[in-house]
């Protein structure tokens, strides 16, 4: 199992990772508070929320699998070498877990607050169904040979795909989105990029 060759680098990596987590955490609450105060979710793209749930759920599966499963970790080392580090840290698991919970709360707000005439589009529903059917097919492909690392990478690919797809409806309908949330999300992207660069050193 690989380990950090530099304690300062390891500390910096951990600090940057947790700063990214805290940034996204604080950035996700303004929308919840806005919805609660207005008792309305009019202006929020329901497609965005539904697609976001699939994105964060697939990312959680990827992170939790690599972080907690010794079987998947073993397959990772066998493929990439025992001198490589697992590319998932505790803050990654915390981030994706929190993201799923927050998105579920937003979905609950959509159910109980004023929605106006808005609803989830058929396209968004079709995308979500197609993605999870694809994931199910991949599971049954991986099952006979226990190709769990491959399956885990599929979920990572899904979250990347959903990251792109989820912003398409939101571009058209953004009146209820908090600008602060967007600012924190951009900060998170920069911090995550920095973490990946440090992880590659």
N, C-alpha and C. Protein backbone atom coordinates (compact mmCIF):
# COMPACT_ATOMS: atom_id res chain seq x y z
N UNK A 1 0.83 -1.19 0.00
CA UNK A 1 0.00 0.00 0.00
C UNK A 1 0.87 1.25 0.00
N UNK A 2 0.54 2.19 -0.85
CA UNK A 2 1.33 3.41 -0.97
C UNK A 2 1.06 4.34 0.21
N UNK A 3 2.03 5.17 0.51
CA UNK A 3 1.88 6.16 1.56
C UNK A 3 2.51 7.46 1.10
N UNK A 4 2.18 8.53 1.79
CA UNK A 4 2.73 9.82 1.43
C UNK A 4 4.22 9.87 1.73
N UNK A 5 4.99 10.42 0.80
CA UNK A 5 6.42 10.58 1.00
C UNK A 5 6.75 11.88 1.72
N UNK A 6 5.77 12.76 1.80
CA UNK A 6 5.97 14.06 2.43
C UNK A 6 4.82 14.35 3.38
N UNK A 7 5.13 14.50 4.66
CA UNK A 7 4.10 14.80 5.64
C UNK A 7 3.45 16.16 5.37
N UNK A 8 4.23 17.21 5.07
CA UNK A 8 3.60 18.50 4.75
C UNK A 8 2.65 18.41 3.56
N UNK A 9 3.02 17.62 2.54
CA UNK A 9 2.17 17.47 1.37
C UNK A 9 0.88 16.74 1.74
N UNK A 10 1.01 15.73 2.59
CA UNK A 10 -0.18 14.99 3.04
C UNK A 10 -1.12 15.90 3.82
N UNK A 11 -0.55 16.70 4.72
CA UNK A 11 -1.36 17.62 5.51
C UNK A 11 -2.06 18.64 4.62
N UNK A 12 -1.31 19.17 3.66
CA UNK A 12 -1.88 20.15 2.73
C UNK A 12 -3.01 19.53 1.92
N UNK A 13 -2.81 18.29 1.48
CA UNK A 13 -3.82 17.57 0.71
C UNK A 13 -5.10 17.41 1.53
N UNK A 14 -4.93 17.00 2.80
CA UNK A 14 -6.08 16.80 3.67
C UNK A 14 -6.81 18.12 3.93
N UNK A 15 -6.03 19.18 4.18
CA UNK A 15 -6.62 20.49 4.47
C UNK A 15 -7.41 21.00 3.27
N UNK A 16 -6.80 20.91 2.09
CA UNK A 16 -7.47 21.37 0.86
C UNK A 16 -8.76 20.58 0.63
N UNK A 17 -8.70 19.27 0.87
CA UNK A 17 -9.87 18.43 0.68
C UNK A 17 -11.02 18.82 1.60
N UNK A 18 -10.70 19.07 2.87
CA UNK A 18 -11.74 19.42 3.82
C UNK A 18 -12.25 20.85 3.62
N UNK A 19 -11.38 21.75 3.13
CA UNK A 19 -11.83 23.10 2.79
C UNK A 19 -12.84 23.02 1.65
N UNK A 20 -12.56 22.15 0.68
CA UNK A 20 -13.49 21.96 -0.43
C UNK A 20 -14.83 21.44 0.08
N UNK A 21 -14.78 20.50 1.01
CA UNK A 21 -16.00 19.94 1.59
C UNK A 21 -16.81 21.01 2.31
N UNK A 22 -16.12 21.79 3.16
CA UNK A 22 -16.80 22.85 3.92
C UNK A 22 -17.38 23.90 2.98
N UNK A 23 -16.63 24.23 1.93
CA UNK A 23 -17.10 25.24 0.96
C UNK A 23 -18.40 24.80 0.31
N UNK A 24 -18.44 23.56 -0.14
CA UNK A 24 -19.66 23.08 -0.78
C UNK A 24 -20.79 22.96 0.24
N UNK A 25 -20.45 22.55 1.47
CA UNK A 25 -21.46 22.41 2.51
C UNK A 25 -22.17 23.73 2.76
N UNK A 26 -21.40 24.78 2.96
CA UNK A 26 -22.00 26.09 3.19
C UNK A 26 -22.71 26.60 1.94
N UNK A 27 -22.17 26.26 0.78
CA UNK A 27 -22.77 26.73 -0.46
C UNK A 27 -24.09 26.07 -0.79
N UNK A 28 -24.37 24.92 -0.17
CA UNK A 28 -25.59 24.20 -0.49
C UNK A 28 -26.79 24.64 0.34
N UNK A 29 -26.54 25.36 1.43
CA UNK A 29 -27.64 25.72 2.33
C UNK A 29 -28.45 26.96 1.93
N UNK A 30 -27.86 27.96 1.26
CA UNK A 30 -28.68 29.11 0.87
C UNK A 30 -29.93 28.74 0.08
N UNK A 31 -29.82 27.75 -0.82
CA UNK A 31 -31.00 27.34 -1.59
C UNK A 31 -32.06 26.73 -0.69
N UNK A 32 -31.63 25.91 0.27
CA UNK A 32 -32.58 25.30 1.21
C UNK A 32 -33.30 26.38 2.01
N UNK A 33 -32.53 27.35 2.50
CA UNK A 33 -33.10 28.44 3.31
C UNK A 33 -34.04 29.29 2.47
N UNK A 34 -33.64 29.57 1.23
CA UNK A 34 -34.48 30.35 0.33
C UNK A 34 -35.81 29.66 0.08
N UNK A 35 -35.76 28.36 -0.17
CA UNK A 35 -36.99 27.60 -0.39
C UNK A 35 -37.89 27.63 0.85
N UNK A 36 -37.27 27.49 2.03
CA UNK A 36 -38.02 27.46 3.28
C UNK A 36 -38.69 28.80 3.56
N UNK A 37 -37.93 29.89 3.38
CA UNK A 37 -38.47 31.22 3.66
C UNK A 37 -39.61 31.59 2.71
N UNK A 38 -39.44 31.23 1.45
CA UNK A 38 -40.46 31.57 0.45
C UNK A 38 -41.63 30.60 0.47
N UNK A 39 -41.41 29.43 1.09
CA UNK A 39 -42.40 28.35 1.03
C UNK A 39 -42.77 28.07 -0.42
N UNK A 40 -41.75 28.18 -1.26
CA UNK A 40 -41.96 27.99 -2.69
C UNK A 40 -40.67 27.53 -3.35
N UNK A 41 -40.82 26.72 -4.38
CA UNK A 41 -39.67 26.28 -5.17
C UNK A 41 -39.85 26.71 -6.63
N UNK A 42 -40.75 27.66 -6.84
CA UNK A 42 -40.97 28.19 -8.19
C UNK A 42 -39.70 28.87 -8.67
N UNK A 43 -39.26 28.52 -9.85
CA UNK A 43 -38.03 29.08 -10.40
C UNK A 43 -36.86 28.13 -10.33
N UNK A 44 -36.97 27.12 -9.45
CA UNK A 44 -35.92 26.11 -9.35
C UNK A 44 -36.20 25.02 -10.37
N UNK A 45 -35.21 24.64 -11.13
CA UNK A 45 -35.39 23.60 -12.13
C UNK A 45 -35.48 22.23 -11.46
N UNK A 46 -36.64 21.60 -11.56
CA UNK A 46 -36.81 20.27 -10.98
C UNK A 46 -35.95 19.25 -11.71
N UNK A 47 -35.75 19.46 -12.99
CA UNK A 47 -34.87 18.58 -13.76
C UNK A 47 -33.47 18.58 -13.15
N UNK A 48 -33.00 19.78 -12.81
CA UNK A 48 -31.67 19.93 -12.22
C UNK A 48 -31.55 19.10 -10.94
N UNK A 49 -32.56 19.17 -10.09
CA UNK A 49 -32.53 18.47 -8.81
C UNK A 49 -32.55 16.96 -9.01
N UNK A 50 -33.43 16.49 -9.88
CA UNK A 50 -33.54 15.05 -10.12
C UNK A 50 -32.25 14.50 -10.74
N UNK A 51 -31.72 15.21 -11.72
CA UNK A 51 -30.47 14.79 -12.34
C UNK A 51 -29.31 14.86 -11.35
N UNK A 52 -29.36 15.86 -10.49
CA UNK A 52 -28.31 16.03 -9.48
C UNK A 52 -28.30 14.88 -8.49
N UNK A 53 -29.48 14.36 -8.16
CA UNK A 53 -29.56 13.24 -7.23
C UNK A 53 -28.87 12.01 -7.82
N UNK A 54 -29.10 11.75 -9.10
CA UNK A 54 -28.43 10.64 -9.76
C UNK A 54 -26.92 10.86 -9.80
N UNK A 55 -26.52 12.10 -10.07
CA UNK A 55 -25.09 12.44 -10.12
C UNK A 55 -24.43 12.17 -8.78
N UNK A 56 -25.00 12.72 -7.70
CA UNK A 56 -24.39 12.59 -6.38
C UNK A 56 -24.47 11.16 -5.85
N UNK A 57 -25.55 10.46 -6.17
CA UNK A 57 -25.67 9.06 -5.73
C UNK A 57 -24.61 8.18 -6.38
N UNK A 58 -24.41 8.37 -7.67
CA UNK A 58 -23.38 7.58 -8.36
C UNK A 58 -21.99 7.92 -7.84
N UNK A 59 -21.78 9.20 -7.51
CA UNK A 59 -20.49 9.62 -6.96
C UNK A 59 -20.28 9.04 -5.57
N UNK A 60 -21.35 8.96 -4.78
CA UNK A 60 -21.26 8.35 -3.45
C UNK A 60 -20.92 6.87 -3.55
N UNK A 61 -21.55 6.18 -4.49
CA UNK A 61 -21.26 4.76 -4.69
C UNK A 61 -19.79 4.57 -5.05
N UNK A 62 -19.29 5.42 -5.94
CA UNK A 62 -17.88 5.35 -6.34
C UNK A 62 -16.96 5.60 -5.15
N UNK A 63 -17.19 6.68 -4.42
CA UNK A 63 -16.32 7.05 -3.30
C UNK A 63 -16.37 6.02 -2.18
N UNK A 64 -17.58 5.64 -1.77
CA UNK A 64 -17.72 4.70 -0.66
C UNK A 64 -17.14 3.34 -1.01
N UNK A 65 -17.32 2.91 -2.25
CA UNK A 65 -16.80 1.61 -2.67
C UNK A 65 -15.28 1.57 -2.60
N UNK A 66 -14.64 2.60 -3.15
CA UNK A 66 -13.18 2.63 -3.15
C UNK A 66 -12.60 2.87 -1.75
N UNK A 67 -13.33 3.60 -0.93
CA UNK A 67 -12.81 3.95 0.39
C UNK A 67 -13.00 2.82 1.41
N UNK A 68 -14.12 2.11 1.34
CA UNK A 68 -14.44 1.13 2.36
C UNK A 68 -14.21 -0.33 1.95
N UNK A 69 -14.29 -0.63 0.67
CA UNK A 69 -14.20 -2.03 0.24
C UNK A 69 -12.76 -2.48 0.04
N UNK A 70 -12.34 -3.42 0.87
CA UNK A 70 -10.98 -3.96 0.74
C UNK A 70 -10.84 -4.76 -0.56
N UNK A 71 -11.94 -5.37 -1.01
CA UNK A 71 -11.91 -6.13 -2.26
C UNK A 71 -11.64 -5.22 -3.45
N UNK A 72 -12.33 -4.10 -3.50
CA UNK A 72 -12.14 -3.15 -4.60
C UNK A 72 -10.77 -2.49 -4.51
N UNK A 73 -10.32 -2.21 -3.30
CA UNK A 73 -8.98 -1.65 -3.12
C UNK A 73 -7.91 -2.62 -3.62
N UNK A 74 -8.11 -3.90 -3.34
CA UNK A 74 -7.16 -4.91 -3.81
C UNK A 74 -7.14 -4.95 -5.33
N UNK A 75 -8.31 -4.91 -5.95
CA UNK A 75 -8.38 -4.90 -7.42
C UNK A 75 -7.71 -3.65 -7.98
N UNK A 76 -7.85 -2.54 -7.27
CA UNK A 76 -7.22 -1.29 -7.71
C UNK A 76 -5.70 -1.43 -7.70
N UNK A 77 -5.17 -1.97 -6.60
CA UNK A 77 -3.71 -2.14 -6.49
C UNK A 77 -3.18 -3.13 -7.52
N UNK A 78 -3.95 -4.20 -7.76
CA UNK A 78 -3.53 -5.19 -8.75
C UNK A 78 -3.50 -4.60 -10.16
N UNK A 79 -4.36 -3.65 -10.42
CA UNK A 79 -4.41 -3.03 -11.75
C UNK A 79 -3.39 -1.91 -11.91
N UNK A 80 -3.27 -1.07 -10.89
CA UNK A 80 -2.43 0.13 -11.02
C UNK A 80 -1.10 0.04 -10.28
N UNK A 81 -0.95 -0.98 -9.44
CA UNK A 81 0.30 -1.13 -8.71
C UNK A 81 0.14 -0.76 -7.24
N UNK A 82 0.88 -1.45 -6.39
CA UNK A 82 0.76 -1.23 -4.95
C UNK A 82 1.45 0.05 -4.49
N UNK A 83 2.16 0.71 -5.40
CA UNK A 83 2.78 1.98 -5.05
C UNK A 83 1.85 3.16 -5.33
N UNK A 84 0.66 2.86 -5.86
CA UNK A 84 -0.32 3.91 -6.12
C UNK A 84 -1.25 4.07 -4.92
N UNK A 85 -1.72 5.30 -4.72
CA UNK A 85 -2.64 5.57 -3.62
C UNK A 85 -4.09 5.51 -4.11
N UNK A 86 -4.96 5.05 -3.23
CA UNK A 86 -6.39 5.04 -3.54
C UNK A 86 -6.83 6.49 -3.75
N UNK A 87 -7.45 6.80 -4.89
CA UNK A 87 -7.78 8.20 -5.21
C UNK A 87 -9.03 8.74 -4.53
N UNK A 88 -9.35 8.22 -3.37
CA UNK A 88 -10.52 8.69 -2.62
C UNK A 88 -10.12 8.89 -1.17
N UNK A 89 -10.47 10.05 -0.62
CA UNK A 89 -10.17 10.37 0.77
C UNK A 89 -11.47 10.47 1.57
N UNK A 90 -11.32 10.57 2.89
CA UNK A 90 -12.50 10.65 3.75
C UNK A 90 -13.39 11.83 3.40
N UNK A 91 -12.77 12.95 3.03
CA UNK A 91 -13.57 14.14 2.69
C UNK A 91 -14.40 13.92 1.42
N UNK A 92 -13.92 13.06 0.52
CA UNK A 92 -14.69 12.74 -0.69
C UNK A 92 -15.97 11.99 -0.33
N UNK A 93 -15.83 11.04 0.61
CA UNK A 93 -17.00 10.28 1.06
C UNK A 93 -17.97 11.20 1.80
N UNK A 94 -17.42 12.06 2.65
CA UNK A 94 -18.26 13.01 3.40
C UNK A 94 -19.00 13.94 2.45
N UNK A 95 -18.28 14.43 1.44
CA UNK A 95 -18.89 15.35 0.47
C UNK A 95 -20.06 14.70 -0.25
N UNK A 96 -19.83 13.51 -0.80
CA UNK A 96 -20.88 12.87 -1.60
C UNK A 96 -22.06 12.44 -0.73
N UNK A 97 -21.78 12.01 0.51
CA UNK A 97 -22.87 11.64 1.42
C UNK A 97 -23.73 12.86 1.73
N UNK A 98 -23.07 13.96 2.07
CA UNK A 98 -23.78 15.20 2.36
C UNK A 98 -24.57 15.69 1.15
N UNK A 99 -23.97 15.57 -0.02
CA UNK A 99 -24.63 16.03 -1.25
C UNK A 99 -25.92 15.26 -1.52
N UNK A 100 -25.88 13.95 -1.30
CA UNK A 100 -27.08 13.13 -1.50
C UNK A 100 -28.17 13.55 -0.51
N UNK A 101 -27.80 13.75 0.75
CA UNK A 101 -28.77 14.13 1.77
C UNK A 101 -29.39 15.50 1.46
N UNK A 102 -28.56 16.46 1.08
CA UNK A 102 -29.05 17.80 0.76
C UNK A 102 -30.01 17.75 -0.43
N UNK A 103 -29.66 16.98 -1.44
CA UNK A 103 -30.51 16.88 -2.62
C UNK A 103 -31.84 16.23 -2.29
N UNK A 104 -31.82 15.24 -1.40
CA UNK A 104 -33.06 14.61 -0.96
C UNK A 104 -33.95 15.60 -0.21
N UNK A 105 -33.33 16.47 0.59
CA UNK A 105 -34.09 17.50 1.30
C UNK A 105 -34.74 18.47 0.32
N UNK A 106 -33.99 18.86 -0.71
CA UNK A 106 -34.54 19.75 -1.74
C UNK A 106 -35.72 19.08 -2.44
N UNK A 107 -35.59 17.79 -2.72
CA UNK A 107 -36.70 17.05 -3.34
C UNK A 107 -37.93 17.05 -2.44
N UNK A 108 -37.69 16.92 -1.13
CA UNK A 108 -38.79 16.96 -0.17
C UNK A 108 -39.45 18.34 -0.18
N UNK A 109 -38.63 19.39 -0.28
CA UNK A 109 -39.18 20.75 -0.36
C UNK A 109 -40.03 20.92 -1.62
N UNK A 110 -39.59 20.30 -2.69
CA UNK A 110 -40.37 20.37 -3.94
C UNK A 110 -41.75 19.73 -3.75
N UNK A 111 -41.79 18.67 -2.95
CA UNK A 111 -43.05 17.97 -2.71
C UNK A 111 -44.01 18.77 -1.84
N UNK A 112 -43.47 19.51 -0.85
CA UNK A 112 -44.35 20.16 0.13
C UNK A 112 -44.59 21.65 -0.13
N UNK A 113 -43.73 22.30 -0.89
CA UNK A 113 -43.88 23.74 -1.12
C UNK A 113 -44.57 24.02 -2.45
N UNK A 114 -44.91 25.29 -2.63
CA UNK A 114 -45.57 25.73 -3.86
C UNK A 114 -44.66 25.48 -5.06
N UNK A 115 -45.20 24.75 -6.04
CA UNK A 115 -44.42 24.41 -7.23
C UNK A 115 -44.89 25.17 -8.47
N UNK A 116 -46.00 25.86 -8.34
CA UNK A 116 -46.56 26.50 -9.52
C UNK A 116 -46.99 25.42 -10.51
N UNK A 117 -46.70 25.64 -11.76
CA UNK A 117 -47.06 24.66 -12.80
C UNK A 117 -45.85 23.82 -13.21
N UNK A 118 -44.77 23.95 -12.45
CA UNK A 118 -43.54 23.24 -12.82
C UNK A 118 -43.65 21.75 -12.52
N UNK A 119 -42.92 20.98 -13.29
CA UNK A 119 -42.82 19.54 -13.07
C UNK A 119 -41.54 19.03 -13.72
N UNK A 120 -41.19 17.82 -13.37
CA UNK A 120 -40.00 17.20 -13.96
C UNK A 120 -40.32 16.83 -15.41
N UNK A 121 -39.43 17.17 -16.31
CA UNK A 121 -39.67 16.90 -17.73
C UNK A 121 -39.53 15.41 -18.04
N UNK A 122 -40.16 15.00 -19.12
CA UNK A 122 -40.05 13.61 -19.55
C UNK A 122 -38.62 13.26 -19.96
N UNK A 123 -37.92 14.25 -20.49
CA UNK A 123 -36.53 14.02 -20.90
C UNK A 123 -35.67 13.69 -19.69
N UNK A 124 -35.84 14.47 -18.61
CA UNK A 124 -35.06 14.23 -17.39
C UNK A 124 -35.37 12.85 -16.81
N UNK A 125 -36.66 12.51 -16.78
CA UNK A 125 -37.06 11.19 -16.28
C UNK A 125 -36.45 10.09 -17.14
N UNK A 126 -36.48 10.28 -18.45
CA UNK A 126 -35.92 9.28 -19.37
C UNK A 126 -34.42 9.12 -19.16
N UNK A 127 -33.72 10.24 -18.94
CA UNK A 127 -32.27 10.18 -18.72
C UNK A 127 -31.96 9.40 -17.45
N UNK A 128 -32.68 9.71 -16.38
CA UNK A 128 -32.45 9.03 -15.10
C UNK A 128 -32.73 7.53 -15.22
N UNK A 129 -33.83 7.17 -15.84
CA UNK A 129 -34.16 5.75 -16.02
C UNK A 129 -33.10 5.06 -16.86
N UNK A 130 -32.68 5.71 -17.95
CA UNK A 130 -31.67 5.12 -18.83
C UNK A 130 -30.35 4.91 -18.11
N UNK A 131 -29.96 5.90 -17.30
CA UNK A 131 -28.69 5.81 -16.57
C UNK A 131 -28.71 4.65 -15.58
N UNK A 132 -29.81 4.51 -14.83
CA UNK A 132 -29.87 3.44 -13.83
C UNK A 132 -30.07 2.06 -14.47
N UNK A 133 -30.73 2.01 -15.61
CA UNK A 133 -30.81 0.75 -16.35
C UNK A 133 -29.42 0.35 -16.85
N UNK A 134 -28.67 1.34 -17.33
CA UNK A 134 -27.30 1.10 -17.76
C UNK A 134 -26.45 0.59 -16.60
N UNK A 135 -26.61 1.21 -15.43
CA UNK A 135 -25.86 0.78 -14.24
C UNK A 135 -26.23 -0.64 -13.85
N UNK A 136 -27.52 -0.98 -13.96
CA UNK A 136 -27.97 -2.33 -13.63
C UNK A 136 -27.38 -3.36 -14.58
N UNK A 137 -27.36 -3.03 -15.87
CA UNK A 137 -26.75 -3.93 -16.86
C UNK A 137 -25.28 -4.14 -16.55
N UNK A 138 -24.59 -3.06 -16.21
CA UNK A 138 -23.17 -3.15 -15.87
C UNK A 138 -22.94 -4.01 -14.63
N UNK A 139 -23.88 -3.93 -13.68
CA UNK A 139 -23.77 -4.76 -12.48
C UNK A 139 -23.80 -6.24 -12.84
N UNK A 140 -24.74 -6.62 -13.69
CA UNK A 140 -24.86 -8.03 -14.07
C UNK A 140 -23.71 -8.48 -14.96
N UNK A 141 -23.09 -7.54 -15.66
CA UNK A 141 -21.89 -7.87 -16.43
C UNK A 141 -20.71 -8.11 -15.49
N UNK A 142 -20.64 -7.30 -14.44
CA UNK A 142 -19.52 -7.40 -13.48
C UNK A 142 -19.66 -8.59 -12.54
N UNK A 143 -20.89 -9.02 -12.29
CA UNK A 143 -21.16 -10.05 -11.29
C UNK A 143 -20.43 -11.38 -11.51
N UNK A 144 -20.46 -11.98 -12.70
CA UNK A 144 -19.83 -13.29 -12.87
C UNK A 144 -18.33 -13.31 -12.55
N UNK A 145 -17.62 -12.27 -12.93
CA UNK A 145 -16.17 -12.23 -12.71
C UNK A 145 -15.78 -11.35 -11.53
N UNK A 146 -16.77 -10.86 -10.82
CA UNK A 146 -16.50 -9.99 -9.66
C UNK A 146 -15.65 -8.78 -10.05
N UNK A 147 -15.99 -8.18 -11.18
CA UNK A 147 -15.23 -7.02 -11.68
C UNK A 147 -15.73 -5.74 -11.01
N UNK A 148 -15.54 -5.69 -9.70
CA UNK A 148 -16.11 -4.58 -8.93
C UNK A 148 -15.39 -3.26 -9.18
N UNK A 149 -14.12 -3.30 -9.44
CA UNK A 149 -13.39 -2.06 -9.74
C UNK A 149 -13.91 -1.45 -11.04
N UNK A 150 -14.14 -2.31 -12.02
CA UNK A 150 -14.69 -1.84 -13.29
C UNK A 150 -16.06 -1.22 -13.08
N UNK A 151 -16.90 -1.88 -12.28
CA UNK A 151 -18.24 -1.37 -12.00
C UNK A 151 -18.16 -0.03 -11.27
N UNK A 152 -17.23 0.06 -10.34
CA UNK A 152 -17.03 1.31 -9.61
C UNK A 152 -16.65 2.45 -10.55
N UNK A 153 -15.79 2.14 -11.51
CA UNK A 153 -15.38 3.17 -12.48
C UNK A 153 -16.56 3.60 -13.37
N UNK A 154 -17.50 2.68 -13.58
CA UNK A 154 -18.70 3.02 -14.35
C UNK A 154 -19.50 4.10 -13.62
N UNK A 155 -19.63 3.93 -12.30
CA UNK A 155 -20.36 4.92 -11.52
C UNK A 155 -19.65 6.27 -11.52
N UNK A 156 -18.33 6.25 -11.55
CA UNK A 156 -17.58 7.50 -11.65
C UNK A 156 -17.84 8.17 -13.01
N UNK A 157 -17.89 7.36 -14.05
CA UNK A 157 -18.19 7.89 -15.39
C UNK A 157 -19.60 8.47 -15.45
N UNK A 158 -20.52 7.80 -14.76
CA UNK A 158 -21.90 8.28 -14.72
C UNK A 158 -21.97 9.65 -14.07
N UNK A 159 -21.24 9.82 -12.96
CA UNK A 159 -21.31 11.11 -12.27
C UNK A 159 -20.69 12.22 -13.11
N UNK A 160 -19.67 11.90 -13.89
CA UNK A 160 -19.08 12.90 -14.78
C UNK A 160 -20.09 13.28 -15.87
N UNK A 161 -20.74 12.27 -16.44
CA UNK A 161 -21.75 12.51 -17.47
C UNK A 161 -22.90 13.35 -16.92
N UNK A 162 -23.37 13.01 -15.72
CA UNK A 162 -24.48 13.73 -15.12
C UNK A 162 -24.10 15.15 -14.75
N UNK A 163 -22.84 15.39 -14.44
CA UNK A 163 -22.38 16.74 -14.11
C UNK A 163 -22.61 17.67 -15.29
N UNK A 164 -22.36 17.16 -16.49
CA UNK A 164 -22.58 17.96 -17.70
C UNK A 164 -24.07 18.10 -17.99
N UNK A 165 -24.79 17.00 -17.93
CA UNK A 165 -26.20 16.98 -18.30
C UNK A 165 -27.06 17.83 -17.37
N UNK A 166 -26.75 17.83 -16.08
CA UNK A 166 -27.63 18.48 -15.11
C UNK A 166 -27.70 20.00 -15.28
N UNK A 167 -26.69 20.60 -15.89
CA UNK A 167 -26.69 22.06 -16.02
C UNK A 167 -27.50 22.55 -17.21
N UNK A 168 -27.84 21.67 -18.13
CA UNK A 168 -28.58 22.08 -19.32
C UNK A 168 -29.94 22.69 -18.98
N UNK A 169 -30.77 22.02 -18.14
CA UNK A 169 -32.06 22.64 -17.81
C UNK A 169 -31.91 23.87 -16.92
N UNK A 170 -30.89 23.87 -16.07
CA UNK A 170 -30.74 24.97 -15.12
C UNK A 170 -30.35 26.27 -15.81
N UNK A 171 -29.71 26.18 -16.95
CA UNK A 171 -29.34 27.38 -17.69
C UNK A 171 -30.59 28.13 -18.14
N UNK A 172 -31.67 27.39 -18.38
CA UNK A 172 -32.90 28.00 -18.86
C UNK A 172 -33.74 28.60 -17.74
N UNK A 173 -33.54 28.14 -16.50
CA UNK A 173 -34.44 28.54 -15.43
C UNK A 173 -33.67 28.67 -14.13
N UNK A 174 -33.18 29.87 -13.82
CA UNK A 174 -32.27 30.03 -12.70
C UNK A 174 -32.73 31.05 -11.67
N UNK A 175 -33.96 31.50 -11.72
CA UNK A 175 -34.38 32.60 -10.88
C UNK A 175 -34.30 32.29 -9.39
N UNK A 176 -34.46 31.03 -9.01
CA UNK A 176 -34.45 30.71 -7.59
C UNK A 176 -33.10 30.22 -7.09
N UNK A 177 -32.15 30.03 -7.97
CA UNK A 177 -30.85 29.54 -7.53
C UNK A 177 -30.08 30.64 -6.83
N UNK A 178 -29.48 30.30 -5.74
CA UNK A 178 -28.67 31.27 -5.01
C UNK A 178 -27.34 31.48 -5.72
N UNK A 179 -26.96 32.74 -5.90
CA UNK A 179 -25.67 33.04 -6.52
C UNK A 179 -24.53 32.60 -5.62
N UNK A 180 -24.76 32.65 -4.31
CA UNK A 180 -23.73 32.21 -3.38
C UNK A 180 -23.42 30.73 -3.56
N UNK A 181 -24.46 29.93 -3.83
CA UNK A 181 -24.27 28.51 -4.08
C UNK A 181 -23.37 28.29 -5.28
N UNK A 182 -23.59 29.06 -6.32
CA UNK A 182 -22.77 28.94 -7.53
C UNK A 182 -21.32 29.31 -7.24
N UNK A 183 -21.13 30.35 -6.42
CA UNK A 183 -19.78 30.78 -6.06
C UNK A 183 -19.04 29.68 -5.32
N UNK A 184 -19.71 29.06 -4.34
CA UNK A 184 -19.08 27.99 -3.58
C UNK A 184 -18.80 26.77 -4.46
N UNK A 185 -19.67 26.51 -5.41
CA UNK A 185 -19.47 25.36 -6.29
C UNK A 185 -18.24 25.57 -7.18
N UNK A 186 -18.05 26.80 -7.64
CA UNK A 186 -16.85 27.09 -8.44
C UNK A 186 -15.60 26.96 -7.59
N UNK A 187 -15.68 27.40 -6.33
CA UNK A 187 -14.55 27.27 -5.42
C UNK A 187 -14.21 25.79 -5.21
N UNK A 188 -15.26 24.98 -5.09
CA UNK A 188 -15.07 23.54 -4.90
C UNK A 188 -14.34 22.92 -6.08
N UNK A 189 -14.70 23.33 -7.29
CA UNK A 189 -14.05 22.78 -8.48
C UNK A 189 -12.56 23.08 -8.47
N UNK A 190 -12.20 24.31 -8.08
CA UNK A 190 -10.79 24.69 -8.03
C UNK A 190 -10.05 23.88 -6.97
N UNK A 191 -10.66 23.74 -5.80
CA UNK A 191 -10.03 22.99 -4.71
C UNK A 191 -9.90 21.52 -5.05
N UNK A 192 -10.90 20.95 -5.70
CA UNK A 192 -10.82 19.54 -6.10
C UNK A 192 -9.73 19.32 -7.13
N UNK A 193 -9.59 20.27 -8.05
CA UNK A 193 -8.52 20.18 -9.04
C UNK A 193 -7.17 20.22 -8.36
N UNK A 194 -7.03 21.10 -7.37
CA UNK A 194 -5.78 21.20 -6.62
C UNK A 194 -5.49 19.90 -5.88
N UNK A 195 -6.53 19.30 -5.29
CA UNK A 195 -6.37 18.03 -4.58
C UNK A 195 -5.90 16.93 -5.52
N UNK A 196 -6.48 16.87 -6.72
CA UNK A 196 -6.11 15.83 -7.68
C UNK A 196 -4.67 16.01 -8.15
N UNK A 197 -4.27 17.26 -8.32
CA UNK A 197 -2.89 17.53 -8.74
C UNK A 197 -1.91 17.08 -7.65
N UNK A 198 -2.25 17.36 -6.40
CA UNK A 198 -1.39 16.95 -5.29
C UNK A 198 -1.37 15.44 -5.15
N UNK A 199 -2.51 14.81 -5.39
CA UNK A 199 -2.60 13.35 -5.30
C UNK A 199 -1.74 12.68 -6.36
N UNK A 200 -1.54 13.38 -7.48
CA UNK A 200 -0.76 12.81 -8.58
C UNK A 200 0.74 12.98 -8.39
N UNK A 201 1.13 13.81 -7.43
CA UNK A 201 2.57 14.04 -7.20
C UNK A 201 3.23 12.81 -6.60
